[in-house]
C-alpha atoms as a PDB file:
ATOM      1  CA  UNK A   1       7.786  40.717 -12.890  1.00  0.00           C
ATOM      2  CA  UNK A   2       5.361  42.599 -10.634  1.00  0.00           C
ATOM      3  CA  UNK A   3       1.665  42.306 -11.075  1.00  0.00           C
ATOM      4  CA  UNK A   4      -0.329  45.536 -11.149  1.00  0.00           C
ATOM      5  CA  UNK A   5      -2.184  44.776  -7.914  1.00  0.00           C
ATOM      6  CA  UNK A   6       0.943  44.057  -5.859  1.00  0.00           C
ATOM      7  CA  UNK A   7       1.817  46.496  -3.082  1.00  0.00           C
ATOM      8  CA  UNK A   8       4.757  46.880  -0.774  1.00  0.00           C
ATOM      9  CA  UNK A   9       4.277  46.168   2.917  1.00  0.00           C
ATOM     10  CA  UNK A  10       4.712  49.898   3.643  1.00  0.00           C
ATOM     11  CA  UNK A  11       1.905  50.801   1.232  1.00  0.00           C
ATOM     12  CA  UNK A  12      -0.390  48.207   2.795  1.00  0.00           C
ATOM     13  CA  UNK A  13       0.327  49.504   6.307  1.00  0.00           C
ATOM     14  CA  UNK A  14      -0.249  53.141   5.275  1.00  0.00           C
ATOM     15  CA  UNK A  15      -3.515  52.173   3.590  1.00  0.00           C
ATOM     16  CA  UNK A  16      -4.630  50.244   6.682  1.00  0.00           C
ATOM     17  CA  UNK A  17      -3.786  53.151   8.978  1.00  0.00           C
ATOM     18  CA  UNK A  18      -5.821  55.535   6.824  1.00  0.00           C
ATOM     19  CA  UNK A  19      -8.782  53.155   6.684  1.00  0.00           C
ATOM     20  CA  UNK A  20      -8.799  52.609  10.445  1.00  0.00           C
ATOM     21  CA  UNK A  21      -8.048  56.267  11.206  1.00  0.00           C
ATOM     22  CA  UNK A  22      -5.044  55.249  13.291  1.00  0.00           C
ATOM     23  CA  UNK A  23      -2.750  57.324  11.117  1.00  0.00           C
ATOM     24  CA  UNK A  24      -3.146  60.468  13.248  1.00  0.00           C
ATOM     25  CA  UNK A  25      -2.397  58.542  16.447  1.00  0.00           C
ATOM     26  CA  UNK A  26       0.787  57.140  14.933  1.00  0.00           C
ATOM     27  CA  UNK A  27       1.831  60.607  13.770  1.00  0.00           C
ATOM     28  CA  UNK A  28       0.957  62.176  17.152  1.00  0.00           C
ATOM     29  CA  UNK A  29       3.374  59.798  18.849  1.00  0.00           C
ATOM     30  CA  UNK A  30       6.055  60.535  16.291  1.00  0.00           C
ATOM     31  CA  UNK A  31       5.371  64.282  16.448  1.00  0.00           C
ATOM     32  CA  UNK A  32       5.840  64.244  20.237  1.00  0.00           C
ATOM     33  CA  UNK A  33       9.276  62.681  19.732  1.00  0.00           C
ATOM     34  CA  UNK A  34      10.189  65.113  16.970  1.00  0.00           C
ATOM     35  CA  UNK A  35       8.857  68.059  19.026  1.00  0.00           C
ATOM     36  CA  UNK A  36      11.373  67.236  21.757  1.00  0.00           C
ATOM     37  CA  UNK A  37      14.220  66.765  19.248  1.00  0.00           C
ATOM     38  CA  UNK A  38      13.473  70.048  17.482  1.00  0.00           C
ATOM     39  CA  UNK A  39      12.608  72.285  20.440  1.00  0.00           C
ATOM     40  CA  UNK A  40      14.524  70.784  23.329  1.00  0.00           C
ATOM     41  CA  UNK A  41      13.753  69.698  26.863  1.00  0.00           C
ATOM     42  CA  UNK A  42      12.786  73.115  28.263  1.00  0.00           C
ATOM     43  CA  UNK A  43       9.946  73.626  25.800  1.00  0.00           C
ATOM     44  CA  UNK A  44       8.930  69.961  26.026  1.00  0.00           C
ATOM     45  CA  UNK A  45       8.554  70.316  29.806  1.00  0.00           C
ATOM     46  CA  UNK A  46       6.297  73.342  29.261  1.00  0.00           C
ATOM     47  CA  UNK A  47       4.174  71.449  26.703  1.00  0.00           C
ATOM     48  CA  UNK A  48       0.945  70.059  28.137  1.00  0.00           C
ATOM     49  CA  UNK A  49      -0.553  68.482  25.018  1.00  0.00           C
ATOM     50  CA  UNK A  50       0.150  67.897  21.331  1.00  0.00           C
ATOM     51  CA  UNK A  51      -2.757  66.878  19.134  1.00  0.00           C
ATOM     52  CA  UNK A  52      -2.951  66.434  15.350  1.00  0.00           C
ATOM     53  CA  UNK A  53      -6.315  66.838  13.628  1.00  0.00           C
ATOM     54  CA  UNK A  54      -6.829  67.126   9.870  1.00  0.00           C
ATOM     55  CA  UNK A  55      -3.328  68.465   9.268  1.00  0.00           C
ATOM     56  CA  UNK A  56      -3.507  71.014  12.084  1.00  0.00           C
ATOM     57  CA  UNK A  57      -1.156  70.589  15.030  1.00  0.00           C
ATOM     58  CA  UNK A  58      -2.678  71.853  18.273  1.00  0.00           C
ATOM     59  CA  UNK A  59      -0.107  72.561  20.979  1.00  0.00           C
ATOM     60  CA  UNK A  60      -1.067  73.483  24.543  1.00  0.00           C
ATOM     61  CA  UNK A  61       1.681  75.220  26.528  1.00  0.00           C
ATOM     62  CA  UNK A  62       1.852  76.104  30.229  1.00  0.00           C
ATOM     63  CA  UNK A  63       3.827  79.358  29.970  1.00  0.00           C
ATOM     64  CA  UNK A  64       2.224  82.498  28.474  1.00  0.00           C
ATOM     65  CA  UNK A  65       5.612  83.978  27.522  1.00  0.00           C
ATOM     66  CA  UNK A  66       6.600  80.734  25.822  1.00  0.00           C
ATOM     67  CA  UNK A  67       3.283  80.764  23.946  1.00  0.00           C
ATOM     68  CA  UNK A  68       4.163  84.155  22.455  1.00  0.00           C
ATOM     69  CA  UNK A  69       7.634  82.959  21.475  1.00  0.00           C
ATOM     70  CA  UNK A  70       6.303  79.806  19.797  1.00  0.00           C
ATOM     71  CA  UNK A  71       3.499  81.766  18.090  1.00  0.00           C
ATOM     72  CA  UNK A  72       6.075  84.003  16.418  1.00  0.00           C
ATOM     73  CA  UNK A  73       8.093  80.985  15.228  1.00  0.00           C
ATOM     74  CA  UNK A  74       5.276  78.588  14.343  1.00  0.00           C
ATOM     75  CA  UNK A  75       5.913  78.667  10.574  1.00  0.00           C
ATOM     76  CA  UNK A  76       9.559  77.741  11.100  1.00  0.00           C
ATOM     77  CA  UNK A  77       8.572  75.086  13.650  1.00  0.00           C
ATOM     78  CA  UNK A  78       6.051  73.585  11.201  1.00  0.00           C
ATOM     79  CA  UNK A  79       8.737  73.384   8.518  1.00  0.00           C
ATOM     80  CA  UNK A  80      11.271  71.770  10.858  1.00  0.00           C
ATOM     81  CA  UNK A  81       8.761  69.223  12.176  1.00  0.00           C
ATOM     82  CA  UNK A  82       7.649  68.267   8.652  1.00  0.00           C
ATOM     83  CA  UNK A  83      11.268  67.848   7.578  1.00  0.00           C
ATOM     84  CA  UNK A  84      11.982  65.578  10.531  1.00  0.00           C
ATOM     85  CA  UNK A  85       8.788  63.597   9.855  1.00  0.00           C
ATOM     86  CA  UNK A  86       9.716  63.268   6.189  1.00  0.00           C
ATOM     87  CA  UNK A  87       6.305  64.423   4.957  1.00  0.00           C
ATOM     88  CA  UNK A  88       4.063  67.493   4.825  1.00  0.00           C
ATOM     89  CA  UNK A  89       1.782  66.159   7.562  1.00  0.00           C
ATOM     90  CA  UNK A  90       1.423  69.428   9.458  1.00  0.00           C
ATOM     91  CA  UNK A  91      -0.352  72.142   7.471  1.00  0.00           C
ATOM     92  CA  UNK A  92      -0.755  74.649  10.324  1.00  0.00           C
ATOM     93  CA  UNK A  93       0.114  75.055  13.995  1.00  0.00           C
ATOM     94  CA  UNK A  94      -2.293  76.393  16.620  1.00  0.00           C
ATOM     95  CA  UNK A  95      -0.802  77.386  19.973  1.00  0.00           C
ATOM     96  CA  UNK A  96      -3.038  77.412  23.041  1.00  0.00           C
END
């Protein structure tokens, strides 16, 4: 029988990450992997930086034409990334 104050290891780790504010860094690493899976090598090579802050994914791209393409598809990209991450981590996407 479980006691009320027992937690799974996963819950403890998630709680620790939130308390130490490492959660975003963990998700940034995972998002970079998922970004490449979802968008492919060409777009990944044109990506300078991916940064997650308060649910907003900031993406810096090298190519102006690629920026326009990604801007038009950012809602779809957000949905795909969240699905691959298994959580609604990304609330919005800003392309720079």
